Amino acid sequence: MTNNCSSLFFREILQHTYWNKISQFQLTEDIYDEWVLFAIESGEIEYKINDICGRASYGDIVFCPPKEPFFRKVIHPLTFHFIRFNIGKMNFQLENNKLTINDFNRLGSSYQYLRMLDLNNQNHHHWIIHLLSDILTLYEIESNQIGRPRDNKGKDKLIERAKNHIDHHAFDRDIRINRVAYIIGLSAVQFTRRFKTYYNITPQDYLTSLKLNKAKSLLLETNYTIDHIADLCGYNNGFYLSRIFTKKLNITPNQYRIINQI
């Protein structure tokens, strides 16, 4: 974004729908009269808005302006909040029509409260606006913690190569961040610093997010045991997965499965 997120003001929430584990959209492309956003809790989508293409998963919020064709395809079964809204003021550009939140604990808590609210209740309408504004403020805070402006377009091919390696080996049992650093010829400290500067997240947190996104999908899509899911996500056992899951998402894997399968 080019300016602060606080310049986005949710003047009115017109619709809030919570979708749980959908395998496809009724329409692969739609056009809305107002702004809409997809706040993703689990799964993954591929999307295109005008000439901008991208993918989004947990932590990502995709925005589509009014009257713009919005193509979307489910890659992995999707759980998300669909929100249609009017804005009072917006003085920024969205990068790839989405923003990403890295604080999973705070974001998961906000999503949990959103699921509890009824838009028909006037008080709830106010609270929904408050929660959405809080999420954007969180994004703004995270953005200001990095070492360079977000709109810096300078490329770091070495770090991009490292990210691709993590993407392809995220669920290997033996993947280690210090090993990835060694492969590209950096110390672990140098690698972490450059990765955080470039992607707004540490390589370890990025790796963890990939593992937990897969764990969340498996919890909702299968009846696998926690130990089996841990194995598929590259963790040594279910106890370790449960500890990381609970620490990052503020909910145990079993609680997440029960709540989202209702």
C-alpha atoms as a PDB file:
ATOM      1  CA  MET A   1       0.000   0.000   0.000  1.00  0.00           C
ATOM      2  CA  THR A   2       1.144   3.490  -0.657  1.00  0.00           C
ATOM      3  CA  ASN A   3      -0.561   5.182   2.318  1.00  0.00           C
ATOM      4  CA  ASN A   4      -1.710   4.142   5.768  1.00  0.00           C
ATOM      5  CA  CYS A   5      -4.509   1.607   6.144  1.00  0.00           C
ATOM      6  CA  SER A   6      -6.259   3.994   8.504  1.00  0.00           C
ATOM      7  CA  SER A   7      -7.310   5.979   5.433  1.00  0.00           C
ATOM      8  CA  LEU A   8      -9.752   3.154   4.656  1.00  0.00           C
ATOM      9  CA  PHE A   9     -13.001   3.795   6.491  1.00  0.00           C
ATOM     10  CA  PHE A  10     -15.791   1.203   6.576  1.00  0.00           C
ATOM     11  CA  ARG A  11     -18.774   3.500   6.324  1.00  0.00           C
ATOM     12  CA  GLU A  12     -21.383   0.736   6.062  1.00  0.00           C
ATOM     13  CA  ILE A  13     -21.367  -3.060   6.123  1.00  0.00           C
ATOM     14  CA  LEU A  14     -24.000  -4.331   3.686  1.00  0.00           C
ATOM     15  CA  GLN A  15     -23.456  -8.072   3.967  1.00  0.00           C
ATOM     16  CA  HIS A  16     -21.429 -10.465   6.074  1.00  0.00           C
ATOM     17  CA  THR A  17     -21.591 -14.153   5.170  1.00  0.00           C
ATOM     18  CA  TYR A  18     -19.441 -16.880   6.676  1.00  0.00           C
ATOM     19  CA  TRP A  19     -18.715 -19.748   4.280  1.00  0.00           C
ATOM     20  CA  ASN A  20     -17.350 -23.005   5.658  1.00  0.00           C
ATOM     21  CA  LYS A  21     -15.409 -25.520   3.558  1.00  0.00           C
ATOM     22  CA  ILE A  22     -16.723 -24.737   0.087  1.00  0.00           C
ATOM     23  CA  SER A  23     -15.160 -26.732  -2.747  1.00  0.00           C
ATOM     24  CA  GLN A  24     -16.175 -24.343  -5.511  1.00  0.00           C
ATOM     25  CA  PHE A  25     -17.902 -21.026  -6.107  1.00  0.00           C
ATOM     26  CA  GLN A  26     -21.402 -20.962  -7.605  1.00  0.00           C
ATOM     27  CA  LEU A  27     -20.062 -18.429 -10.104  1.00  0.00           C
ATOM     28  CA  THR A  28     -16.439 -18.488 -11.201  1.00  0.00           C
ATOM     29  CA  GLU A  29     -16.710 -14.776 -12.003  1.00  0.00           C
ATOM     30  CA  ASP A  30     -18.910 -12.064 -10.514  1.00  0.00           C
ATOM     31  CA  ILE A  31     -19.264  -8.275 -10.531  1.00  0.00           C
ATOM     32  CA  TYR A  32     -20.414  -6.425  -7.423  1.00  0.00           C
ATOM     33  CA  ASP A  33     -21.961  -2.974  -7.126  1.00  0.00           C
ATOM     34  CA  GLU A  34     -20.013  -2.266  -3.929  1.00  0.00           C
ATOM     35  CA  TRP A  35     -16.624  -3.138  -2.472  1.00  0.00           C
ATOM     36  CA  VAL A  36     -16.235  -6.737  -1.334  1.00  0.00           C
ATOM     37  CA  LEU A  37     -13.557  -8.603   0.574  1.00  0.00           C
ATOM     38  CA  PHE A  38     -12.722 -12.242   1.133  1.00  0.00           C
ATOM     39  CA  ALA A  39     -11.064 -12.793   4.534  1.00  0.00           C
ATOM     40  CA  ILE A  40      -9.702 -16.320   4.364  1.00  0.00           C
ATOM     41  CA  GLU A  41      -9.642 -18.618   7.398  1.00  0.00           C
ATOM     42  CA  SER A  42      -8.489 -21.799   5.683  1.00  0.00           C
ATOM     43  CA  GLY A  43      -7.955 -23.233   2.220  1.00  0.00           C
ATOM     44  CA  GLU A  44      -6.678 -21.390  -0.826  1.00  0.00           C
ATOM     45  CA  ILE A  45      -8.057 -19.549  -3.846  1.00  0.00           C
ATOM     46  CA  GLU A  46      -6.697 -18.365  -7.147  1.00  0.00           C
ATOM     47  CA  TYR A  47      -8.121 -15.025  -8.240  1.00  0.00           C
ATOM     48  CA  LYS A  48      -8.011 -12.436 -11.007  1.00  0.00           C
ATOM     49  CA  ILE A  49      -9.278  -8.865 -10.797  1.00  0.00           C
ATOM     50  CA  ASN A  50      -8.795  -7.057 -14.092  1.00  0.00           C
ATOM     51  CA  ASP A  51      -5.210  -7.936 -15.036  1.00  0.00           C
ATOM     52  CA  ILE A  52      -4.083  -8.679 -11.485  1.00  0.00           C
ATOM     53  CA  CYS A  53      -3.709 -12.368 -10.668  1.00  0.00           C
ATOM     54  CA  GLY A  54      -2.797 -13.953  -7.376  1.00  0.00           C
ATOM     55  CA  ARG A  55      -3.352 -16.631  -4.774  1.00  0.00           C
ATOM     56  CA  ALA A  56      -4.638 -16.190  -1.262  1.00  0.00           C
ATOM     57  CA  SER A  57      -4.751 -18.387   1.843  1.00  0.00           C
ATOM     58  CA  TYR A  58      -4.937 -17.956   5.603  1.00  0.00           C
ATOM     59  CA  GLY A  59      -3.774 -14.494   6.631  1.00  0.00           C
ATOM     60  CA  ASP A  60      -4.751 -12.970   3.272  1.00  0.00           C
ATOM     61  CA  ILE A  61      -7.665 -10.605   2.653  1.00  0.00           C
ATOM     62  CA  VAL A  62      -8.622 -10.031  -0.987  1.00  0.00           C
ATOM     63  CA  PHE A  63     -10.393  -6.792  -1.946  1.00  0.00           C
ATOM     64  CA  CYS A  64     -12.410  -6.233  -5.110  1.00  0.00           C
ATOM     65  CA  PRO A  65     -13.566  -2.701  -6.104  1.00  0.00           C
ATOM     66  CA  PRO A  66     -17.088  -2.037  -7.390  1.00  0.00           C
ATOM     67  CA  LYS A  67     -17.947  -2.942 -10.976  1.00  0.00           C
ATOM     68  CA  GLU A  68     -14.723  -4.913 -11.505  1.00  0.00           C
ATOM     69  CA  PRO A  69     -14.866  -8.511 -12.835  1.00  0.00           C
ATOM     70  CA  PHE A  70     -13.789 -10.823 -10.004  1.00  0.00           C
ATOM     71  CA  PHE A  71     -12.652 -14.273 -11.141  1.00  0.00           C
ATOM     72  CA  ARG A  72     -11.991 -16.788  -8.360  1.00  0.00           C
ATOM     73  CA  LYS A  73     -11.250 -20.510  -8.191  1.00  0.00           C
ATOM     74  CA  VAL A  74     -10.978 -22.740  -5.139  1.00  0.00           C
ATOM     75  CA  ILE A  75      -7.617 -24.524  -4.986  1.00  0.00           C
ATOM     76  CA  HIS A  76      -8.125 -26.100  -1.554  1.00  0.00           C
ATOM     77  CA  PRO A  77     -11.542 -26.221   0.207  1.00  0.00           C
ATOM     78  CA  LEU A  78     -12.210 -22.709   1.412  1.00  0.00           C
ATOM     79  CA  THR A  79     -13.461 -21.211   4.657  1.00  0.00           C
ATOM     80  CA  PHE A  80     -13.814 -17.434   4.565  1.00  0.00           C
ATOM     81  CA  HIS A  81     -15.757 -14.307   5.494  1.00  0.00           C
ATOM     82  CA  PHE A  82     -17.476 -12.581   2.584  1.00  0.00           C
ATOM     83  CA  ILE A  83     -18.108  -8.922   3.349  1.00  0.00           C
ATOM     84  CA  ARG A  84     -19.780  -6.378   1.091  1.00  0.00           C
ATOM     85  CA  PHE A  85     -19.337  -2.789   2.173  1.00  0.00           C
ATOM     86  CA  ASN A  86     -19.291   0.920   1.314  1.00  0.00           C
ATOM     87  CA  ILE A  87     -16.298   3.088   2.100  1.00  0.00           C
ATOM     88  CA  GLY A  88     -16.123   6.688   3.179  1.00  0.00           C
ATOM     89  CA  LYS A  89     -12.561   7.421   2.125  1.00  0.00           C
ATOM     90  CA  MET A  90      -9.701   5.534   0.525  1.00  0.00           C
ATOM     91  CA  ASN A  91      -6.364   7.071  -0.378  1.00  0.00           C
ATOM     92  CA  PHE A  92      -4.230   4.003  -1.007  1.00  0.00           C
ATOM     93  CA  GLN A  93      -3.553   1.282  -3.537  1.00  0.00           C
ATOM     94  CA  LEU A  94      -3.752  -2.396  -2.718  1.00  0.00           C
ATOM     95  CA  GLU A  95      -0.779  -4.471  -3.821  1.00  0.00           C
ATOM     96  CA  ASN A  96      -2.218  -7.346  -5.900  1.00  0.00           C
ATOM     97  CA  ASN A  97      -5.642  -6.456  -4.465  1.00  0.00           C
ATOM     98  CA  LYS A  98      -4.844  -8.099  -1.141  1.00  0.00           C
ATOM     99  CA  LEU A  99      -3.149  -7.561   2.184  1.00  0.00           C
ATOM    100  CA  THR A 100      -1.545 -10.159   4.433  1.00  0.00           C
ATOM    101  CA  ILE A 101      -1.635 -10.349   8.220  1.00  0.00           C
ATOM    102  CA  ASN A 102       1.233 -12.203   9.915  1.00  0.00           C
ATOM    103  CA  ASP A 103      -0.016 -12.160  13.511  1.00  0.00           C
ATOM    104  CA  PHE A 104      -2.059 -15.374  13.402  1.00  0.00           C
ATOM    105  CA  ASN A 105      -3.040 -15.167  17.068  1.00  0.00           C
ATOM    106  CA  ARG A 106      -4.623 -11.734  16.776  1.00  0.00           C
ATOM    107  CA  LEU A 107      -6.187 -12.456  13.387  1.00  0.00           C
ATOM    108  CA  GLY A 108      -7.640 -15.782  14.522  1.00  0.00           C
ATOM    109  CA  SER A 109      -9.219 -14.081  17.519  1.00  0.00           C
ATOM    110  CA  SER A 110     -10.816 -11.400  15.312  1.00  0.00           C
ATOM    111  CA  TYR A 111     -12.210 -14.043  12.965  1.00  0.00           C
ATOM    112  CA  GLN A 112     -13.610 -15.991  15.899  1.00  0.00           C
ATOM    113  CA  TYR A 113     -15.533 -12.908  17.067  1.00  0.00           C
ATOM    114  CA  LEU A 114     -16.736 -12.161  13.527  1.00  0.00           C
ATOM    115  CA  ARG A 115     -18.317 -15.605  13.365  1.00  0.00           C
ATOM    116  CA  MET A 116     -20.360 -14.765  16.453  1.00  0.00           C
ATOM    117  CA  LEU A 117     -21.879 -11.527  15.154  1.00  0.00           C
ATOM    118  CA  ASP A 118     -25.220 -10.931  13.443  1.00  0.00           C
ATOM    119  CA  LEU A 119     -25.320  -8.066  10.966  1.00  0.00           C
ATOM    120  CA  ASN A 120     -29.046  -7.557  11.639  1.00  0.00           C
ATOM    121  CA  ASN A 121     -28.219  -6.512  15.182  1.00  0.00           C
ATOM    122  CA  GLN A 122     -27.340  -2.801  15.160  1.00  0.00           C
ATOM    123  CA  ASN A 123     -24.773  -3.205  17.912  1.00  0.00           C
ATOM    124  CA  HIS A 124     -23.198  -6.069  16.021  1.00  0.00           C
ATOM    125  CA  HIS A 125     -22.969  -3.912  12.900  1.00  0.00           C
ATOM    126  CA  HIS A 126     -20.832  -1.467  14.853  1.00  0.00           C
ATOM    127  CA  TRP A 127     -18.677  -4.279  16.245  1.00  0.00           C
ATOM    128  CA  ILE A 128     -18.093  -5.772  12.795  1.00  0.00           C
ATOM    129  CA  ILE A 129     -16.809  -2.410  11.580  1.00  0.00           C
ATOM    130  CA  HIS A 130     -14.606  -2.194  14.653  1.00  0.00           C
ATOM    131  CA  LEU A 131     -13.128  -5.666  14.090  1.00  0.00           C
ATOM    132  CA  LEU A 132     -12.411  -4.992  10.421  1.00  0.00           C
ATOM    133  CA  SER A 133     -10.790  -1.666  11.248  1.00  0.00           C
ATOM    134  CA  ASP A 134      -8.744  -3.397  13.926  1.00  0.00           C
ATOM    135  CA  ILE A 135      -7.455  -5.928  11.368  1.00  0.00           C
ATOM    136  CA  LEU A 136      -6.400  -3.116   9.036  1.00  0.00           C
ATOM    137  CA  THR A 137      -4.709  -1.300  11.897  1.00  0.00           C
ATOM    138  CA  LEU A 138      -2.819  -4.501  12.697  1.00  0.00           C
ATOM    139  CA  TYR A 139      -1.656  -4.648   9.087  1.00  0.00           C
ATOM    140  CA  GLU A 140      -0.531  -1.035   9.298  1.00  0.00           C
ATOM    141  CA  ILE A 141       1.461  -1.736  12.465  1.00  0.00           C
ATOM    142  CA  GLU A 142       3.136  -4.763  10.883  1.00  0.00           C
ATOM    143  CA  SER A 143       3.962  -2.753   7.762  1.00  0.00           C
ATOM    144  CA  ASN A 144       5.719  -0.068   9.794  1.00  0.00           C
ATOM    145  CA  GLN A 145       7.954  -2.627  11.481  1.00  0.00           C
ATOM    146  CA  ILE A 146       9.928  -3.540   8.390  1.00  0.00           C
ATOM    147  CA  GLY A 147      13.232  -2.033   7.311  1.00  0.00           C
ATOM    148  CA  ARG A 148      12.096  -0.513   4.014  1.00  0.00           C
ATOM    149  CA  PRO A 149       8.890   0.863   2.462  1.00  0.00           C
ATOM    150  CA  ARG A 150       6.411  -1.807   1.285  1.00  0.00           C
ATOM    151  CA  ASP A 151       6.271  -0.309  -2.200  1.00  0.00           C
ATOM    152  CA  ASN A 152      10.002  -0.776  -2.773  1.00  0.00           C
ATOM    153  CA  LYS A 153      10.109  -2.817  -5.976  1.00  0.00           C
ATOM    154  CA  GLY A 154      13.775  -3.819  -5.748  1.00  0.00           C
ATOM    155  CA  LYS A 155      14.246  -7.535  -6.373  1.00  0.00           C
ATOM    156  CA  ASP A 156      16.221  -9.890  -4.189  1.00  0.00           C
ATOM    157  CA  LYS A 157      16.628 -12.942  -6.409  1.00  0.00           C
ATOM    158  CA  LEU A 158      18.539 -14.852  -3.759  1.00  0.00           C
ATOM    159  CA  ILE A 159      15.716 -14.504  -1.246  1.00  0.00           C
ATOM    160  CA  GLU A 160      13.112 -15.339  -3.899  1.00  0.00           C
ATOM    161  CA  ARG A 161      15.067 -18.504  -4.626  1.00  0.00           C
ATOM    162  CA  ALA A 162      15.059 -19.360  -0.927  1.00  0.00           C
ATOM    163  CA  LYS A 163      11.289 -18.825  -0.691  1.00  0.00           C
ATOM    164  CA  ASN A 164      10.738 -21.129  -3.673  1.00  0.00           C
ATOM    165  CA  HIS A 165      12.843 -23.771  -1.922  1.00  0.00           C
ATOM    166  CA  ILE A 166      10.719 -23.432   1.219  1.00  0.00           C
ATOM    167  CA  ASP A 167       7.516 -23.625  -0.845  1.00  0.00           C
ATOM    168  CA  HIS A 168       8.635 -26.894  -2.456  1.00  0.00           C
ATOM    169  CA  HIS A 169      10.001 -28.549   0.696  1.00  0.00           C
ATOM    170  CA  ALA A 170       7.768 -27.103   3.438  1.00  0.00           C
ATOM    171  CA  PHE A 171       6.403 -30.492   4.465  1.00  0.00           C
ATOM    172  CA  ASP A 172       9.702 -32.383   4.417  1.00  0.00           C
ATOM    173  CA  ARG A 173      10.578 -33.676   7.852  1.00  0.00           C
ATOM    174  CA  ASP A 174      14.177 -32.476   7.606  1.00  0.00           C
ATOM    175  CA  ILE A 175      13.661 -28.905   6.358  1.00  0.00           C
ATOM    176  CA  ARG A 176      15.538 -26.377   8.506  1.00  0.00           C
ATOM    177  CA  ILE A 177      15.862 -22.629   8.039  1.00  0.00           C
ATOM    178  CA  ASN A 178      19.605 -22.703   8.735  1.00  0.00           C
ATOM    179  CA  ARG A 179      19.944 -25.342   6.005  1.00  0.00           C
ATOM    180  CA  VAL A 180      18.067 -23.114   3.529  1.00  0.00           C
ATOM    181  CA  ALA A 181      20.402 -20.260   4.490  1.00  0.00           C
ATOM    182  CA  TYR A 182      23.407 -22.505   3.838  1.00  0.00           C
ATOM    183  CA  ILE A 183      22.084 -23.467   0.397  1.00  0.00           C
ATOM    184  CA  ILE A 184      21.986 -19.824  -0.715  1.00  0.00           C
ATOM    185  CA  GLY A 185      25.283 -18.944   0.934  1.00  0.00           C
ATOM    186  CA  LEU A 186      24.101 -16.827   3.870  1.00  0.00           C
ATOM    187  CA  SER A 187      24.319 -17.170   7.607  1.00  0.00           C
ATOM    188  CA  ALA A 188      21.049 -17.894   9.391  1.00  0.00           C
ATOM    189  CA  VAL A 189      21.012 -14.356  10.819  1.00  0.00           C
ATOM    190  CA  GLN A 190      21.667 -12.723   7.436  1.00  0.00           C
ATOM    191  CA  PHE A 191      19.022 -14.883   5.784  1.00  0.00           C
ATOM    192  CA  THR A 192      16.380 -14.119   8.400  1.00  0.00           C
ATOM    193  CA  ARG A 193      17.050 -10.381   8.207  1.00  0.00           C
ATOM    194  CA  ARG A 194      16.884 -10.230   4.404  1.00  0.00           C
ATOM    195  CA  PHE A 195      13.831 -12.488   4.187  1.00  0.00           C
ATOM    196  CA  LYS A 196      11.951 -10.402   6.784  1.00  0.00           C
ATOM    197  CA  THR A 197      12.857  -7.191   4.957  1.00  0.00           C
ATOM    198  CA  TYR A 198      11.672  -8.575   1.635  1.00  0.00           C
ATOM    199  CA  TYR A 199       8.542 -10.494   2.634  1.00  0.00           C
ATOM    200  CA  ASN A 200       7.479  -8.851   5.921  1.00  0.00           C
ATOM    201  CA  ILE A 201       7.738 -12.175   7.739  1.00  0.00           C
ATOM    202  CA  THR A 202      10.616 -14.270   9.051  1.00  0.00           C
ATOM    203  CA  PRO A 203      11.434 -17.428   7.095  1.00  0.00           C
ATOM    204  CA  GLN A 204      10.606 -19.564  10.142  1.00  0.00           C
ATOM    205  CA  ASP A 205       7.183 -17.924  10.550  1.00  0.00           C
ATOM    206  CA  TYR A 206       6.556 -18.293   6.812  1.00  0.00           C
ATOM    207  CA  LEU A 207       7.421 -21.997   6.957  1.00  0.00           C
ATOM    208  CA  THR A 208       5.182 -22.416  10.002  1.00  0.00           C
ATOM    209  CA  SER A 209       2.299 -20.672   8.217  1.00  0.00           C
ATOM    210  CA  LEU A 210       2.536 -23.141   5.311  1.00  0.00           C
ATOM    211  CA  LYS A 211       2.515 -26.097   7.700  1.00  0.00           C
ATOM    212  CA  LEU A 212      -0.408 -24.760   9.739  1.00  0.00           C
ATOM    213  CA  ASN A 213      -2.451 -23.911   6.645  1.00  0.00           C
ATOM    214  CA  LYS A 214      -2.078 -27.520   5.522  1.00  0.00           C
ATOM    215  CA  ALA A 215      -2.906 -28.776   9.010  1.00  0.00           C
ATOM    216  CA  LYS A 216      -6.063 -26.638   9.102  1.00  0.00           C
ATOM    217  CA  SER A 217      -7.208 -27.971   5.738  1.00  0.00           C
ATOM    218  CA  LEU A 218      -6.581 -31.586   6.782  1.00  0.00           C
ATOM    219  CA  LEU A 219      -8.431 -31.069  10.063  1.00  0.00           C
ATOM    220  CA  LEU A 220     -11.537 -29.969   8.158  1.00  0.00           C
ATOM    221  CA  GLU A 221     -11.286 -32.194   5.085  1.00  0.00           C
ATOM    222  CA  THR A 222     -10.324 -35.516   6.688  1.00  0.00           C
ATOM    223  CA  ASN A 223     -10.819 -37.624   9.795  1.00  0.00           C
ATOM    224  CA  TYR A 224      -7.088 -38.195  10.144  1.00  0.00           C
ATOM    225  CA  THR A 225      -5.621 -38.359  13.625  1.00  0.00           C
ATOM    226  CA  ILE A 226      -3.499 -35.463  14.863  1.00  0.00           C
ATOM    227  CA  ASP A 227      -0.408 -37.687  14.650  1.00  0.00           C
ATOM    228  CA  HIS A 228      -1.116 -38.517  10.999  1.00  0.00           C
ATOM    229  CA  ILE A 229      -1.747 -34.848  10.151  1.00  0.00           C
ATOM    230  CA  ALA A 230       1.490 -33.920  11.915  1.00  0.00           C
ATOM    231  CA  ASP A 231       3.362 -36.440   9.766  1.00  0.00           C
ATOM    232  CA  LEU A 232       1.838 -35.049   6.555  1.00  0.00           C
ATOM    233  CA  CYS A 233       2.808 -31.514   7.593  1.00  0.00           C
ATOM    234  CA  GLY A 234       6.388 -32.441   8.390  1.00  0.00           C
ATOM    235  CA  TYR A 235       6.168 -32.462  12.188  1.00  0.00           C
ATOM    236  CA  ASN A 236       7.608 -35.275  14.315  1.00  0.00           C
ATOM    237  CA  ASN A 237       4.414 -35.989  16.222  1.00  0.00           C
ATOM    238  CA  GLY A 238       0.947 -34.742  17.068  1.00  0.00           C
ATOM    239  CA  PHE A 239       2.025 -33.313  20.397  1.00  0.00           C
ATOM    240  CA  TYR A 240       4.478 -30.932  18.721  1.00  0.00           C
ATOM    241  CA  LEU A 241       1.923 -29.933  16.065  1.00  0.00           C
ATOM    242  CA  SER A 242      -0.664 -29.241  18.774  1.00  0.00           C
ATOM    243  CA  ARG A 243       1.776 -27.062  20.693  1.00  0.00           C
ATOM    244  CA  ILE A 244       2.673 -24.949  17.642  1.00  0.00           C
ATOM    245  CA  PHE A 245      -0.955 -24.803  16.444  1.00  0.00           C
ATOM    246  CA  THR A 246      -2.224 -23.623  19.812  1.00  0.00           C
ATOM    247  CA  LYS A 247       0.560 -21.081  20.257  1.00  0.00           C
ATOM    248  CA  LYS A 248       0.022 -19.504  16.819  1.00  0.00           C
ATOM    249  CA  LEU A 249      -3.762 -19.731  16.470  1.00  0.00           C
ATOM    250  CA  ASN A 250      -4.846 -19.580  20.106  1.00  0.00           C
ATOM    251  CA  ILE A 251      -6.943 -22.707  19.673  1.00  0.00           C
ATOM    252  CA  THR A 252      -6.119 -26.415  19.796  1.00  0.00           C
ATOM    253  CA  PRO A 253      -6.361 -28.545  16.633  1.00  0.00           C
ATOM    254  CA  ASN A 254      -9.265 -30.524  18.093  1.00  0.00           C
ATOM    255  CA  GLN A 255     -11.121 -27.336  19.052  1.00  0.00           C
ATOM    256  CA  TYR A 256     -10.529 -25.916  15.572  1.00  0.00           C
ATOM    257  CA  ARG A 257     -11.911 -29.096  13.985  1.00  0.00           C
ATOM    258  CA  ILE A 258     -15.028 -29.147  16.194  1.00  0.00           C
ATOM    259  CA  ILE A 259     -15.863 -25.442  15.830  1.00  0.00           C
ATOM    260  CA  ASN A 260     -15.448 -25.312  12.052  1.00  0.00           C
ATOM    261  CA  GLN A 261     -17.251 -28.580  11.327  1.00  0.00           C
ATOM    262  CA  ILE A 262     -20.444 -27.452  13.028  1.00  0.00           C
END
